[in-house]
N, C-alpha and C. Protein backbone atom coordinates (compact mmCIF):
# COMPACT_ATOMS: atom_id res chain seq x y z
N MET A 1 115.41 95.45 122.31
CA MET A 1 115.27 94.07 121.82
C MET A 1 116.65 93.47 121.60
N ASN A 2 116.84 92.21 122.03
CA ASN A 2 118.10 91.51 121.85
C ASN A 2 118.18 90.97 120.43
N SER A 3 119.08 91.56 119.62
CA SER A 3 119.16 91.17 118.21
C SER A 3 119.72 89.77 118.04
N ASN A 4 120.35 89.22 119.10
CA ASN A 4 120.91 87.88 119.01
C ASN A 4 119.93 86.80 119.43
N LYS A 5 118.77 87.20 119.91
CA LYS A 5 117.77 86.22 120.33
C LYS A 5 116.94 85.81 119.12
N PRO A 6 116.80 84.50 118.89
CA PRO A 6 115.99 84.06 117.74
C PRO A 6 114.53 84.47 117.86
N GLU A 7 113.95 84.95 116.78
CA GLU A 7 112.57 85.38 116.77
C GLU A 7 111.73 84.47 115.89
N SER A 8 110.46 84.34 116.25
CA SER A 8 109.54 83.53 115.46
C SER A 8 109.28 84.18 114.12
N MET A 9 109.26 83.37 113.08
CA MET A 9 108.92 83.85 111.75
C MET A 9 107.54 83.35 111.32
N ALA A 10 106.83 82.72 112.27
CA ALA A 10 105.51 82.15 112.00
C ALA A 10 104.42 83.15 112.38
N ALA A 11 103.19 82.85 112.00
CA ALA A 11 102.05 83.69 112.35
C ALA A 11 101.90 83.74 113.87
N ILE A 12 101.37 84.84 114.37
CA ILE A 12 101.19 85.04 115.80
C ILE A 12 100.35 83.91 116.39
N GLY A 13 100.85 83.29 117.46
CA GLY A 13 100.12 82.24 118.15
C GLY A 13 100.44 80.83 117.68
N THR A 14 101.10 80.70 116.52
CA THR A 14 101.36 79.37 115.97
C THR A 14 102.34 78.59 116.84
N HIS A 15 103.44 79.19 117.22
CA HIS A 15 104.42 78.49 118.05
C HIS A 15 103.79 78.02 119.36
N GLU A 16 102.99 78.89 119.96
CA GLU A 16 102.36 78.53 121.24
C GLU A 16 101.42 77.34 121.09
N ARG A 17 100.62 77.32 120.02
CA ARG A 17 99.68 76.22 119.82
C ARG A 17 100.42 74.91 119.53
N VAL A 18 101.46 74.97 118.71
CA VAL A 18 102.22 73.75 118.40
C VAL A 18 102.93 73.24 119.65
N LEU A 19 103.45 74.15 120.46
CA LEU A 19 104.14 73.73 121.67
C LEU A 19 103.17 73.00 122.61
N GLU A 20 101.96 73.48 122.72
CA GLU A 20 100.94 72.80 123.53
C GLU A 20 100.70 71.39 123.01
N MET A 21 100.65 71.24 121.70
CA MET A 21 100.42 69.94 121.08
C MET A 21 101.57 68.98 121.39
N VAL A 22 102.79 69.50 121.30
CA VAL A 22 103.97 68.67 121.59
C VAL A 22 103.96 68.22 123.04
N LYS A 23 103.65 69.13 123.95
CA LYS A 23 103.59 68.78 125.37
C LYS A 23 102.57 67.68 125.63
N GLU A 24 101.45 67.74 124.93
CA GLU A 24 100.37 66.78 125.15
C GLU A 24 100.70 65.39 124.62
N HIS A 25 101.45 65.31 123.52
CA HIS A 25 101.60 64.04 122.83
C HIS A 25 103.01 63.44 122.90
N LEU A 26 103.99 64.16 123.45
CA LEU A 26 105.35 63.65 123.46
C LEU A 26 105.99 63.85 124.83
N ARG A 27 106.48 62.76 125.41
CA ARG A 27 107.17 62.85 126.69
C ARG A 27 108.51 63.57 126.51
N PRO A 28 109.07 64.13 127.58
CA PRO A 28 110.37 64.82 127.48
C PRO A 28 111.50 63.88 127.10
N GLU A 29 112.60 64.51 126.74
CA GLU A 29 113.85 63.82 126.42
C GLU A 29 113.74 62.89 125.23
N LYS A 30 113.03 63.34 124.19
CA LYS A 30 112.93 62.60 122.94
C LYS A 30 113.78 63.29 121.87
N LYS A 31 114.04 62.56 120.78
CA LYS A 31 114.80 63.11 119.67
C LYS A 31 113.85 63.83 118.71
N VAL A 32 114.08 65.10 118.53
CA VAL A 32 113.16 65.96 117.77
C VAL A 32 113.93 66.69 116.68
N ILE A 33 113.30 66.82 115.52
CA ILE A 33 113.90 67.59 114.43
C ILE A 33 112.96 68.72 114.05
N ASP A 34 113.50 69.92 113.95
CA ASP A 34 112.74 71.12 113.60
C ASP A 34 113.10 71.49 112.16
N LEU A 35 112.18 71.24 111.24
CA LEU A 35 112.43 71.45 109.81
C LEU A 35 112.05 72.86 109.40
N ALA A 36 112.91 73.51 108.64
CA ALA A 36 112.74 74.93 108.27
C ALA A 36 112.70 75.77 109.54
N ALA A 37 113.77 75.68 110.30
CA ALA A 37 113.82 76.24 111.66
C ALA A 37 114.03 77.75 111.71
N GLY A 38 114.33 78.38 110.58
CA GLY A 38 114.47 79.84 110.58
C GLY A 38 115.61 80.32 111.45
N GLN A 39 115.31 81.20 112.39
CA GLN A 39 116.32 81.71 113.31
C GLN A 39 116.54 80.78 114.51
N GLY A 40 115.62 79.82 114.71
CA GLY A 40 115.79 78.87 115.80
C GLY A 40 114.87 79.09 116.98
N ALA A 41 113.86 79.95 116.84
CA ALA A 41 112.99 80.27 117.98
C ALA A 41 112.24 79.04 118.49
N PHE A 42 111.68 78.23 117.59
CA PHE A 42 110.93 77.07 118.07
C PHE A 42 111.87 75.96 118.51
N SER A 43 113.03 75.87 117.91
CA SER A 43 114.03 74.89 118.36
C SER A 43 114.39 75.14 119.83
N VAL A 44 114.51 76.40 120.20
CA VAL A 44 114.82 76.75 121.59
C VAL A 44 113.69 76.32 122.51
N LEU A 45 112.45 76.53 122.08
CA LEU A 45 111.30 76.11 122.90
C LEU A 45 111.28 74.60 123.08
N LEU A 46 111.57 73.85 122.02
CA LEU A 46 111.61 72.40 122.12
C LEU A 46 112.72 71.95 123.08
N SER A 47 113.85 72.60 122.97
CA SER A 47 114.98 72.27 123.86
C SER A 47 114.63 72.55 125.32
N SER A 48 113.85 73.59 125.56
CA SER A 48 113.47 73.94 126.94
C SER A 48 112.59 72.89 127.58
N LEU A 49 111.96 72.04 126.74
CA LEU A 49 111.13 70.95 127.25
C LEU A 49 111.97 69.71 127.59
N GLY A 50 113.26 69.76 127.30
CA GLY A 50 114.13 68.64 127.60
C GLY A 50 114.41 67.73 126.43
N HIS A 51 113.98 68.11 125.23
CA HIS A 51 114.19 67.25 124.06
C HIS A 51 115.59 67.47 123.47
N ASP A 52 116.08 66.43 122.80
CA ASP A 52 117.33 66.49 122.04
C ASP A 52 116.97 67.02 120.66
N VAL A 53 117.30 68.27 120.38
CA VAL A 53 116.79 68.95 119.19
C VAL A 53 117.86 69.10 118.12
N THR A 54 117.48 68.74 116.91
CA THR A 54 118.27 69.01 115.71
C THR A 54 117.44 69.94 114.83
N ALA A 55 118.06 70.98 114.32
CA ALA A 55 117.36 71.93 113.45
C ALA A 55 117.87 71.80 112.02
N VAL A 56 116.96 72.07 111.07
CA VAL A 56 117.32 72.03 109.66
C VAL A 56 116.79 73.29 108.99
N ASP A 57 117.62 73.88 108.15
CA ASP A 57 117.15 75.02 107.36
C ASP A 57 117.93 75.05 106.05
N ALA A 58 117.45 75.85 105.11
CA ALA A 58 118.07 75.91 103.79
C ALA A 58 119.44 76.57 103.84
N ASP A 59 119.66 77.44 104.81
CA ASP A 59 120.99 78.05 104.98
C ASP A 59 121.16 78.44 106.44
N SER A 60 122.36 78.82 106.79
CA SER A 60 122.68 79.15 108.19
C SER A 60 122.80 80.65 108.42
N GLU A 61 122.47 81.44 107.42
CA GLU A 61 122.70 82.89 107.48
C GLU A 61 121.95 83.55 108.63
N ASN A 62 120.71 83.11 108.91
CA ASN A 62 119.89 83.77 109.93
C ASN A 62 119.88 83.04 111.26
N TRP A 63 120.67 81.99 111.40
CA TRP A 63 120.62 81.14 112.58
C TRP A 63 121.15 81.87 113.83
N LYS A 64 120.38 81.80 114.94
CA LYS A 64 120.76 82.49 116.16
C LYS A 64 120.78 81.59 117.40
N ALA A 65 120.30 80.35 117.27
CA ALA A 65 120.27 79.43 118.42
C ALA A 65 121.54 78.58 118.40
N ASN A 66 122.64 79.19 118.79
CA ASN A 66 123.94 78.56 118.61
C ASN A 66 124.15 77.31 119.47
N GLU A 67 123.32 77.13 120.50
CA GLU A 67 123.46 75.96 121.37
C GLU A 67 122.79 74.72 120.76
N ILE A 68 122.15 74.86 119.62
CA ILE A 68 121.42 73.76 118.97
C ILE A 68 122.06 73.47 117.62
N ASP A 69 122.22 72.16 117.33
CA ASP A 69 122.80 71.75 116.06
C ASP A 69 121.93 72.20 114.89
N LEU A 70 122.54 72.83 113.90
CA LEU A 70 121.83 73.22 112.68
C LEU A 70 122.45 72.48 111.50
N LEU A 71 121.62 71.78 110.75
CA LEU A 71 122.03 71.12 109.52
C LEU A 71 121.44 71.89 108.34
N VAL A 72 122.23 72.13 107.32
CA VAL A 72 121.76 72.84 106.13
C VAL A 72 121.34 71.81 105.09
N ALA A 73 120.07 71.88 104.67
CA ALA A 73 119.54 70.93 103.69
C ALA A 73 118.43 71.57 102.89
N ASN A 74 118.27 71.14 101.66
CA ASN A 74 117.20 71.60 100.78
C ASN A 74 115.98 70.73 101.02
N LEU A 75 114.94 71.28 101.63
CA LEU A 75 113.75 70.49 101.96
C LEU A 75 112.87 70.22 100.76
N ASP A 76 113.24 70.73 99.60
CA ASP A 76 112.55 70.38 98.36
C ASP A 76 113.30 69.26 97.62
N SER A 77 114.22 68.61 98.34
CA SER A 77 114.99 67.51 97.77
C SER A 77 114.70 66.24 98.57
N GLN A 78 115.36 65.16 98.21
CA GLN A 78 115.27 63.91 98.99
C GLN A 78 116.30 64.00 100.12
N PHE A 79 115.93 64.80 101.12
CA PHE A 79 116.88 65.17 102.18
C PHE A 79 117.10 64.10 103.23
N SER A 80 116.26 63.08 103.27
CA SER A 80 116.35 62.09 104.35
C SER A 80 117.70 61.38 104.36
N GLY A 81 118.23 61.06 103.18
CA GLY A 81 119.52 60.37 103.13
C GLY A 81 120.63 61.19 103.74
N GLN A 82 120.63 62.50 103.44
CA GLN A 82 121.64 63.40 104.00
C GLN A 82 121.57 63.43 105.52
N LEU A 83 120.35 63.49 106.06
CA LEU A 83 120.20 63.58 107.51
C LEU A 83 120.56 62.27 108.20
N LEU A 84 120.13 61.15 107.62
CA LEU A 84 120.35 59.86 108.27
C LEU A 84 121.80 59.41 108.19
N GLU A 85 122.60 60.07 107.37
CA GLU A 85 124.04 59.77 107.36
C GLU A 85 124.71 60.20 108.66
N ILE A 86 124.14 61.20 109.32
CA ILE A 86 124.78 61.74 110.53
C ILE A 86 123.88 61.73 111.76
N LYS A 87 122.61 61.37 111.59
CA LYS A 87 121.66 61.37 112.71
C LYS A 87 120.84 60.08 112.70
N ASP A 88 120.47 59.62 113.91
CA ASP A 88 119.53 58.51 114.02
C ASP A 88 118.11 59.02 113.75
N LYS A 89 117.18 58.10 113.62
CA LYS A 89 115.80 58.50 113.38
C LYS A 89 115.21 59.24 114.58
N PHE A 90 114.17 60.02 114.32
CA PHE A 90 113.60 60.92 115.32
C PHE A 90 112.25 60.44 115.82
N ASP A 91 111.89 60.92 117.03
CA ASP A 91 110.57 60.65 117.61
C ASP A 91 109.53 61.64 117.12
N LEU A 92 109.98 62.84 116.74
CA LEU A 92 109.08 63.90 116.31
C LEU A 92 109.75 64.77 115.27
N ALA A 93 109.00 65.09 114.21
CA ALA A 93 109.43 66.09 113.23
C ALA A 93 108.42 67.23 113.25
N VAL A 94 108.92 68.44 113.32
CA VAL A 94 108.07 69.64 113.33
C VAL A 94 108.34 70.42 112.05
N ALA A 95 107.28 70.75 111.32
CA ALA A 95 107.41 71.50 110.07
C ALA A 95 106.43 72.67 110.10
N ILE A 96 106.88 73.77 110.67
CA ILE A 96 106.01 74.94 110.85
C ILE A 96 106.13 75.86 109.64
N GLU A 97 105.01 76.01 108.93
CA GLU A 97 104.90 76.96 107.83
C GLU A 97 106.02 76.81 106.80
N ILE A 98 106.20 75.56 106.34
CA ILE A 98 107.18 75.31 105.29
C ILE A 98 106.56 74.62 104.08
N ILE A 99 105.57 73.74 104.30
CA ILE A 99 105.10 72.89 103.20
C ILE A 99 104.52 73.70 102.05
N GLU A 100 103.94 74.87 102.35
CA GLU A 100 103.37 75.71 101.28
C GLU A 100 104.45 76.41 100.46
N HIS A 101 105.70 76.35 100.93
CA HIS A 101 106.83 76.95 100.21
C HIS A 101 107.45 75.98 99.21
N LEU A 102 107.05 74.72 99.26
CA LEU A 102 107.76 73.68 98.52
C LEU A 102 107.08 73.33 97.20
N GLU A 103 107.89 72.93 96.22
CA GLU A 103 107.36 72.52 94.93
C GLU A 103 106.70 71.14 95.01
N ASN A 104 107.20 70.28 95.89
CA ASN A 104 106.70 68.91 95.95
C ASN A 104 106.36 68.53 97.39
N PRO A 105 105.19 68.93 97.89
CA PRO A 105 104.83 68.60 99.27
C PRO A 105 104.66 67.10 99.50
N PHE A 106 104.26 66.35 98.47
CA PHE A 106 104.13 64.91 98.62
C PHE A 106 105.49 64.28 98.92
N GLN A 107 106.51 64.71 98.19
CA GLN A 107 107.87 64.22 98.44
C GLN A 107 108.32 64.60 99.84
N PHE A 108 108.03 65.82 100.25
CA PHE A 108 108.44 66.28 101.58
C PHE A 108 107.87 65.39 102.67
N VAL A 109 106.59 65.06 102.59
CA VAL A 109 105.97 64.21 103.61
C VAL A 109 106.57 62.81 103.58
N ARG A 110 106.85 62.28 102.39
CA ARG A 110 107.52 60.98 102.30
C ARG A 110 108.90 61.02 102.95
N GLU A 111 109.64 62.10 102.73
CA GLU A 111 110.95 62.24 103.34
C GLU A 111 110.85 62.33 104.86
N CYS A 112 109.80 62.98 105.35
CA CYS A 112 109.58 63.05 106.80
C CYS A 112 109.35 61.65 107.37
N SER A 113 108.61 60.82 106.65
CA SER A 113 108.34 59.47 107.14
C SER A 113 109.63 58.66 107.25
N LYS A 114 110.60 58.92 106.38
CA LYS A 114 111.85 58.16 106.38
C LYS A 114 112.75 58.51 107.56
N ILE A 115 112.62 59.72 108.11
CA ILE A 115 113.50 60.12 109.21
C ILE A 115 112.87 59.89 110.59
N LEU A 116 111.65 59.35 110.60
CA LEU A 116 110.95 59.12 111.87
C LEU A 116 110.98 57.65 112.26
N LYS A 117 111.03 57.40 113.56
CA LYS A 117 110.89 56.05 114.08
C LYS A 117 109.44 55.59 113.87
N ARG A 118 109.21 54.31 113.98
CA ARG A 118 107.85 53.80 113.93
C ARG A 118 107.06 54.40 115.08
N ASP A 119 105.84 54.83 114.83
CA ASP A 119 105.00 55.56 115.77
C ASP A 119 105.50 56.98 116.02
N GLY A 120 106.47 57.42 115.21
CA GLY A 120 106.95 58.79 115.33
C GLY A 120 105.87 59.79 114.92
N LEU A 121 105.99 61.00 115.40
CA LEU A 121 104.98 62.03 115.18
C LEU A 121 105.48 63.11 114.22
N LEU A 122 104.56 63.64 113.45
CA LEU A 122 104.84 64.75 112.55
C LEU A 122 103.82 65.84 112.81
N VAL A 123 104.31 67.06 113.05
CA VAL A 123 103.43 68.22 113.20
C VAL A 123 103.66 69.14 112.01
N LEU A 124 102.58 69.42 111.29
CA LEU A 124 102.61 70.31 110.14
C LEU A 124 101.70 71.50 110.37
N THR A 125 102.15 72.69 109.99
CA THR A 125 101.25 73.84 109.97
C THR A 125 101.30 74.46 108.58
N THR A 126 100.18 75.03 108.17
CA THR A 126 100.10 75.65 106.84
C THR A 126 98.88 76.57 106.81
N PRO A 127 98.88 77.59 105.97
CA PRO A 127 97.67 78.42 105.85
C PRO A 127 96.47 77.57 105.44
N ASN A 128 95.34 77.80 106.08
CA ASN A 128 94.12 77.07 105.76
C ASN A 128 93.39 77.80 104.63
N VAL A 129 93.63 77.35 103.41
CA VAL A 129 93.04 78.03 102.24
C VAL A 129 91.56 77.72 102.09
N GLU A 130 91.03 76.84 102.94
CA GLU A 130 89.60 76.52 102.90
C GLU A 130 88.80 77.29 103.95
N SER A 131 89.46 78.11 104.73
CA SER A 131 88.74 78.90 105.73
C SER A 131 87.75 79.83 105.05
N VAL A 132 86.74 80.25 105.78
CA VAL A 132 85.74 81.17 105.21
C VAL A 132 86.42 82.47 104.78
N TYR A 133 87.35 82.93 105.59
CA TYR A 133 88.08 84.15 105.24
C TYR A 133 88.79 83.99 103.90
N SER A 134 89.42 82.82 103.69
CA SER A 134 90.12 82.57 102.43
C SER A 134 89.15 82.54 101.26
N ARG A 135 87.97 81.97 101.48
CA ARG A 135 86.98 81.90 100.40
C ARG A 135 86.53 83.31 99.99
N ILE A 136 86.37 84.18 100.97
CA ILE A 136 85.95 85.55 100.66
C ILE A 136 87.08 86.31 99.98
N VAL A 137 88.31 86.11 100.45
CA VAL A 137 89.46 86.74 99.80
C VAL A 137 89.53 86.32 98.34
N PHE A 138 89.28 85.02 98.08
CA PHE A 138 89.30 84.53 96.71
C PHE A 138 88.18 85.18 95.88
N LEU A 139 87.02 85.32 96.48
CA LEU A 139 85.89 85.94 95.78
C LEU A 139 86.21 87.38 95.40
N ILE A 140 86.88 88.09 96.29
CA ILE A 140 87.18 89.50 96.07
C ILE A 140 88.37 89.69 95.13
N THR A 141 89.42 88.88 95.33
CA THR A 141 90.70 89.13 94.66
C THR A 141 91.07 88.10 93.60
N GLY A 142 90.41 86.93 93.63
CA GLY A 142 90.81 85.86 92.72
C GLY A 142 92.02 85.08 93.20
N ARG A 143 92.47 85.37 94.44
CA ARG A 143 93.60 84.67 95.04
C ARG A 143 93.21 84.16 96.42
N LEU A 144 93.82 83.03 96.81
CA LEU A 144 93.54 82.46 98.12
C LEU A 144 94.25 83.23 99.22
N TYR A 145 93.75 83.09 100.44
CA TYR A 145 94.40 83.67 101.61
C TYR A 145 95.85 83.17 101.70
N SER A 146 96.77 84.09 101.93
CA SER A 146 98.21 83.82 102.04
C SER A 146 98.86 83.51 100.70
N PHE A 147 98.13 83.69 99.62
CA PHE A 147 98.70 83.47 98.29
C PHE A 147 98.43 84.68 97.40
N GLY A 148 98.57 85.87 98.00
CA GLY A 148 98.42 87.11 97.26
C GLY A 148 99.60 87.35 96.32
N ALA A 149 99.52 88.42 95.57
CA ALA A 149 100.53 88.70 94.54
C ALA A 149 101.94 88.78 95.12
N TYR A 150 102.08 89.39 96.30
CA TYR A 150 103.40 89.55 96.89
C TYR A 150 103.78 88.39 97.79
N GLU A 151 102.82 87.54 98.11
CA GLU A 151 103.09 86.40 98.99
C GLU A 151 103.54 85.18 98.21
N THR A 152 103.46 85.21 96.89
CA THR A 152 103.80 84.05 96.07
C THR A 152 105.08 84.26 95.26
N VAL A 153 105.85 85.29 95.63
CA VAL A 153 107.14 85.49 94.98
C VAL A 153 108.13 84.50 95.60
N ARG A 154 108.79 83.71 94.78
CA ARG A 154 109.71 82.70 95.30
C ARG A 154 110.75 83.33 96.22
N PRO A 155 111.09 82.64 97.33
CA PRO A 155 110.67 81.28 97.72
C PRO A 155 109.50 81.30 98.70
N ALA A 156 108.55 82.14 98.48
CA ALA A 156 107.43 82.27 99.42
C ALA A 156 106.36 81.21 99.14
N HIS A 157 105.10 81.55 99.32
CA HIS A 157 104.01 80.57 99.24
C HIS A 157 103.68 80.23 97.79
N ILE A 158 103.98 79.01 97.39
CA ILE A 158 103.75 78.61 96.00
C ILE A 158 102.81 77.42 95.87
N THR A 159 102.51 76.72 96.99
CA THR A 159 101.68 75.51 96.92
C THR A 159 100.59 75.54 97.97
N PRO A 160 99.35 75.90 97.60
CA PRO A 160 98.25 75.85 98.58
C PRO A 160 97.94 74.41 98.96
N ILE A 161 97.71 74.17 100.25
CA ILE A 161 97.46 72.83 100.76
C ILE A 161 96.00 72.74 101.23
N PHE A 162 95.21 71.96 100.51
CA PHE A 162 93.82 71.71 100.89
C PHE A 162 93.75 70.49 101.80
N HIS A 163 92.67 70.38 102.55
CA HIS A 163 92.52 69.26 103.49
C HIS A 163 92.63 67.92 102.79
N TRP A 164 91.92 67.78 101.66
CA TRP A 164 91.93 66.50 100.95
C TRP A 164 93.33 66.15 100.46
N LYS A 165 94.08 67.17 100.04
CA LYS A 165 95.44 66.94 99.56
C LYS A 165 96.35 66.53 100.71
N LEU A 166 96.18 67.16 101.87
CA LEU A 166 97.00 66.82 103.03
C LEU A 166 96.71 65.40 103.51
N VAL A 167 95.44 65.01 103.54
CA VAL A 167 95.07 63.65 103.93
C VAL A 167 95.71 62.65 102.96
N MET A 168 95.64 62.94 101.68
CA MET A 168 96.20 62.03 100.67
C MET A 168 97.70 61.86 100.86
N MET A 169 98.43 62.96 101.00
CA MET A 169 99.88 62.85 101.10
C MET A 169 100.31 62.16 102.40
N LEU A 170 99.58 62.40 103.48
CA LEU A 170 99.91 61.74 104.74
C LEU A 170 99.64 60.24 104.66
N GLU A 171 98.48 59.87 104.14
CA GLU A 171 98.13 58.45 104.05
C GLU A 171 99.09 57.71 103.12
N GLU A 172 99.45 58.31 101.99
CA GLU A 172 100.35 57.66 101.05
C GLU A 172 101.75 57.47 101.64
N ALA A 173 102.13 58.32 102.59
CA ALA A 173 103.45 58.22 103.23
C ALA A 173 103.41 57.35 104.48
N GLY A 174 102.23 56.80 104.81
CA GLY A 174 102.14 55.89 105.94
C GLY A 174 101.74 56.52 107.25
N PHE A 175 101.20 57.75 107.20
CA PHE A 175 100.78 58.45 108.42
C PHE A 175 99.27 58.32 108.62
N GLU A 176 98.85 58.47 109.86
CA GLU A 176 97.44 58.64 110.19
C GLU A 176 97.31 59.92 111.01
N ILE A 177 96.28 60.70 110.74
CA ILE A 177 96.08 61.96 111.47
C ILE A 177 95.58 61.66 112.87
N VAL A 178 96.26 62.22 113.86
CA VAL A 178 95.87 62.07 115.26
C VAL A 178 94.93 63.19 115.66
N THR A 179 95.28 64.40 115.29
CA THR A 179 94.45 65.55 115.62
C THR A 179 94.70 66.68 114.62
N GLU A 180 93.67 67.48 114.40
CA GLU A 180 93.76 68.64 113.52
C GLU A 180 93.09 69.81 114.23
N THR A 181 93.78 70.93 114.26
CA THR A 181 93.22 72.10 114.91
C THR A 181 93.52 73.32 114.06
N PHE A 182 92.97 74.47 114.47
CA PHE A 182 93.11 75.68 113.67
C PHE A 182 93.44 76.86 114.58
N GLU A 183 94.14 77.82 114.01
CA GLU A 183 94.55 79.01 114.75
C GLU A 183 94.07 80.24 114.00
N ASN A 184 93.35 81.11 114.70
CA ASN A 184 92.91 82.36 114.09
C ASN A 184 94.10 83.27 113.82
N VAL A 185 94.12 83.85 112.64
CA VAL A 185 95.16 84.81 112.31
C VAL A 185 94.79 86.16 112.91
N VAL A 186 95.76 86.79 113.54
CA VAL A 186 95.54 88.10 114.17
C VAL A 186 95.77 89.19 113.11
N HIS A 187 94.72 89.93 112.79
CA HIS A 187 94.84 91.05 111.85
C HIS A 187 95.19 92.32 112.63
N LEU A 188 96.26 92.96 112.23
CA LEU A 188 96.69 94.18 112.92
C LEU A 188 95.68 95.31 112.68
N PRO A 189 95.60 96.26 113.64
CA PRO A 189 94.68 97.39 113.48
C PRO A 189 94.93 98.19 112.20
N THR A 190 96.16 98.08 111.68
CA THR A 190 96.51 98.83 110.47
C THR A 190 96.10 98.10 109.18
N ALA A 191 95.44 96.93 109.32
CA ALA A 191 95.03 96.17 108.14
C ALA A 191 94.16 97.02 107.23
N ASN A 192 94.28 96.81 105.92
CA ASN A 192 93.55 97.65 104.97
C ASN A 192 92.06 97.31 104.95
N PHE A 193 91.29 98.11 104.20
CA PHE A 193 89.83 97.99 104.19
C PHE A 193 89.38 96.62 103.68
N LYS A 194 90.03 96.10 102.63
CA LYS A 194 89.65 94.80 102.09
C LYS A 194 89.82 93.69 103.12
N VAL A 195 90.93 93.73 103.86
CA VAL A 195 91.19 92.71 104.88
C VAL A 195 90.13 92.77 105.97
N ARG A 196 89.84 93.98 106.45
CA ARG A 196 88.85 94.14 107.52
C ARG A 196 87.46 93.74 107.05
N THR A 197 87.13 94.07 105.80
CA THR A 197 85.82 93.71 105.25
C THR A 197 85.68 92.19 105.12
N ALA A 198 86.71 91.54 104.58
CA ALA A 198 86.67 90.08 104.41
C ALA A 198 86.56 89.39 105.76
N SER A 199 87.28 89.90 106.76
CA SER A 199 87.24 89.31 108.10
C SER A 199 85.84 89.42 108.70
N PHE A 200 85.20 90.58 108.50
CA PHE A 200 83.85 90.78 109.02
C PHE A 200 82.85 89.86 108.32
N LEU A 201 82.92 89.79 106.99
CA LEU A 201 82.00 88.95 106.23
C LEU A 201 82.16 87.48 106.59
N ALA A 202 83.39 87.05 106.86
CA ALA A 202 83.65 85.66 107.22
C ALA A 202 82.88 85.27 108.47
N LYS A 203 82.86 86.15 109.45
CA LYS A 203 82.14 85.87 110.69
C LYS A 203 80.63 85.80 110.46
N VAL A 204 80.14 86.62 109.54
CA VAL A 204 78.70 86.69 109.29
C VAL A 204 78.20 85.45 108.55
N ILE A 205 78.93 85.03 107.52
CA ILE A 205 78.40 83.97 106.65
C ILE A 205 78.89 82.58 107.02
N SER A 206 79.85 82.46 107.92
CA SER A 206 80.41 81.15 108.27
C SER A 206 79.37 80.10 108.63
N PRO A 207 78.33 80.44 109.42
CA PRO A 207 77.35 79.41 109.80
C PRO A 207 76.58 78.83 108.61
N PHE A 208 76.60 79.53 107.47
CA PHE A 208 75.80 79.10 106.33
C PHE A 208 76.61 78.30 105.30
N LEU A 209 77.91 78.15 105.54
CA LEU A 209 78.77 77.47 104.57
C LEU A 209 79.16 76.08 105.05
N GLY A 210 79.30 75.15 104.11
CA GLY A 210 79.72 73.80 104.44
C GLY A 210 81.19 73.60 104.16
N GLY A 211 81.63 72.35 104.23
CA GLY A 211 83.02 72.03 103.94
C GLY A 211 83.90 72.14 105.16
N LYS A 212 85.18 71.85 104.96
CA LYS A 212 86.17 71.90 106.03
C LYS A 212 86.63 73.34 106.20
N LYS A 213 86.02 74.03 107.16
CA LYS A 213 86.27 75.46 107.28
C LYS A 213 87.44 75.76 108.22
N GLY A 214 87.18 75.79 109.51
CA GLY A 214 88.25 76.10 110.45
C GLY A 214 88.69 77.54 110.34
N ALA A 215 89.71 77.88 111.12
CA ALA A 215 90.27 79.24 111.08
C ALA A 215 91.40 79.30 110.05
N GLU A 216 92.15 80.39 110.05
CA GLU A 216 93.07 80.66 108.95
C GLU A 216 94.37 79.86 109.00
N GLY A 217 94.74 79.34 110.15
CA GLY A 217 95.96 78.54 110.27
C GLY A 217 95.63 77.10 110.57
N ARG A 218 96.10 76.15 109.77
CA ARG A 218 95.84 74.72 109.98
C ARG A 218 97.04 74.09 110.68
N ILE A 219 96.76 73.29 111.72
CA ILE A 219 97.81 72.57 112.44
C ILE A 219 97.39 71.11 112.55
N VAL A 220 98.24 70.22 112.03
CA VAL A 220 97.93 68.79 112.00
C VAL A 220 99.05 68.01 112.69
N LEU A 221 98.64 67.06 113.53
CA LEU A 221 99.59 66.12 114.12
C LEU A 221 99.25 64.73 113.60
N ALA A 222 100.24 64.05 113.02
CA ALA A 222 100.04 62.72 112.45
C ALA A 222 101.06 61.76 113.03
N ARG A 223 100.68 60.47 113.04
CA ARG A 223 101.57 59.42 113.55
C ARG A 223 101.93 58.45 112.43
N LEU A 224 103.21 58.06 112.38
CA LEU A 224 103.66 57.10 111.40
C LEU A 224 103.26 55.70 111.82
N LYS A 225 102.49 55.01 110.98
CA LYS A 225 101.97 53.69 111.34
C LYS A 225 103.06 52.62 111.19
């Protein structure tokens, strides 16, 4: 394995699904910002489509995509002013698996609206805490899916995002949802008995439950009005 090649830090399949969404809704050679870019794996994929990519992360320690500009910014702050001092507004902002890490997701979405052009697009991904699997995990453990005891140690998952909350924050920031899809989480064969049991029960009882279910990973694309 090439240790200098950026690797995905997202759930299996998430980058692929988001990339498909970007291809469908955004023409090449647009200005794109990758928020919470990690090592730069998705920034590289965006660049391969011909987009002008800027990446943002809390620090540069793990950055490996040296051919792409990396800006260091605190995404739990009012970061838009810092970015707009040195960059023009963007056609697309991508925020893969970051919003659940933040203390103020409402502020984050407002800041995203400030760095986008009119009709600009925002792609957000986050654990779907309303999935049937999450409901069963909560029943068994008292904690939501992806918000277990070891998953909520700072700066990890501290803010569960429900559908109604996501709709509220997007609408208040001037966005409208274009499409919402879900990605099944791949459980490794080594998963423990509780995980395998919850996964099995989710498949059995899903047809009998109401509400916004979907699979374990939520992916939303919204447009700034």
